[in-house]
Amino acid sequence: MLYSTAVGQSVWGGQKEDNMSVLTTVRLEDTVRRRVEARARAHRRSLSDQMKYYVFLGMLAEENPDLPLAFIQDLLEGKEEAKAGLAIPYEWGPLR
């Protein structure tokens, strides 16, 4: 089956793209589409946003083959927590 998604403004990686959306057609098997839709609902994302997230994550994983996927996801989450002011500085030195 053929499914279309609008790919455009994105905040992944801390970079904002322009507001112009481009319609891209992606050929997916029905089972893959249903799995992506289910995960999109679980993470409260649109299908388009979930697909953009997977593309971004896949590109990072391909560029860093030595890092486990879960580690990359944790890094992205930590980066956003730090931006939100939730980071706690680590005190280097001997344990007390």
Protein backbone atom coordinates (compact mmCIF):
# COMPACT_ATOMS: atom_id res chain seq x y z
CA MET A 1 0.00 0.00 0.00
CA LEU A 2 1.04 3.59 -0.54
CA TYR A 3 0.86 6.08 2.32
CA SER A 4 1.68 9.77 2.25
CA THR A 5 2.95 11.97 5.03
CA ALA A 6 3.77 15.66 5.16
CA VAL A 7 7.38 16.20 6.16
CA GLY A 8 8.32 19.70 7.16
CA GLN A 9 8.90 21.65 10.35
CA SER A 10 10.90 19.62 12.79
CA VAL A 11 12.51 20.23 16.17
CA TRP A 12 14.54 17.00 16.30
CA GLY A 13 18.15 17.57 17.16
CA GLY A 14 17.47 21.06 18.40
CA GLN A 15 17.33 22.38 14.84
CA LYS A 16 14.19 24.06 13.57
CA GLU A 17 13.56 23.81 9.88
CA ASP A 18 11.49 26.24 7.84
CA ASN A 19 7.70 26.10 7.99
CA MET A 20 7.40 24.85 4.45
CA SER A 21 6.13 21.26 4.32
CA VAL A 22 6.92 18.87 1.53
CA LEU A 23 4.62 15.99 0.77
CA THR A 24 6.60 12.77 0.55
CA THR A 25 5.13 9.44 -0.44
CA VAL A 26 6.47 6.42 1.42
CA ARG A 27 5.70 2.82 0.51
CA LEU A 28 5.14 0.77 3.68
CA GLU A 29 3.81 -2.68 4.30
CA ASP A 30 0.51 -2.58 6.15
CA THR A 31 1.96 -4.26 9.26
CA VAL A 32 4.78 -1.70 9.44
CA ARG A 33 2.33 1.18 9.07
CA ARG A 34 0.11 -0.23 11.82
CA ARG A 35 3.09 -0.64 14.16
CA VAL A 36 4.25 2.94 13.51
CA GLU A 37 0.71 4.23 14.07
CA ALA A 38 0.46 2.30 17.36
CA ARG A 39 3.77 3.70 18.60
CA ALA A 40 2.77 7.19 17.49
CA ARG A 41 -0.40 6.94 19.58
CA ALA A 42 1.57 5.59 22.57
CA HIS A 43 3.96 8.56 22.43
CA ARG A 44 1.17 11.04 21.64
CA ARG A 45 2.68 11.93 18.27
CA SER A 46 1.15 12.21 14.85
CA LEU A 47 2.06 9.52 12.31
CA SER A 48 4.16 12.09 10.47
CA ASP A 49 6.03 13.11 13.63
CA GLN A 50 6.68 9.47 14.54
CA MET A 51 8.10 8.78 11.09
CA LYS A 52 10.31 11.89 11.30
CA TYR A 53 11.53 10.72 14.72
CA TYR A 54 12.39 7.27 13.36
CA VAL A 55 14.26 8.77 10.40
CA PHE A 56 16.21 11.09 12.71
CA LEU A 57 16.98 8.25 15.14
CA GLY A 58 18.00 5.95 12.31
CA MET A 59 20.36 8.56 10.90
CA LEU A 60 21.97 9.05 14.31
CA ALA A 61 22.31 5.29 14.79
CA GLU A 62 23.88 4.91 11.35
CA GLU A 63 26.35 7.72 12.06
CA ASN A 64 27.24 6.17 15.45
CA PRO A 65 27.26 2.39 14.90
CA ASP A 66 29.26 1.82 18.10
CA LEU A 67 26.46 3.25 20.31
CA PRO A 68 23.43 1.17 21.33
CA LEU A 69 20.10 2.62 20.21
CA ALA A 70 18.86 2.89 23.81
CA PHE A 71 21.95 4.97 24.68
CA ILE A 72 21.24 7.36 21.79
CA GLN A 73 17.62 7.71 22.91
CA ASP A 74 18.76 8.40 26.50
CA LEU A 75 21.19 11.06 25.25
CA LEU A 76 18.42 12.81 23.32
CA GLU A 77 16.13 12.67 26.36
CA GLY A 78 18.88 14.00 28.64
CA LYS A 79 19.63 16.83 26.23
CA GLU A 80 15.97 17.94 26.29
CA GLU A 81 15.84 17.62 30.11
CA ALA A 82 18.93 19.84 30.36
CA LYS A 83 17.27 22.43 28.10
CA ALA A 84 14.25 22.37 30.42
CA GLY A 85 16.49 23.10 33.43
CA LEU A 86 16.18 19.62 34.93
CA ALA A 87 19.88 18.70 34.78
CA ILE A 88 21.83 18.22 38.00
CA PRO A 89 25.56 18.96 37.74
CA TYR A 90 27.82 16.05 38.57
CA GLU A 91 30.36 16.74 41.32
CA TRP A 92 33.67 15.14 40.33
CA GLY A 93 35.96 13.88 43.07
CA PRO A 94 36.11 11.21 45.78
CA LEU A 95 32.88 9.86 47.19
CA ARG A 96 31.92 11.14 50.61
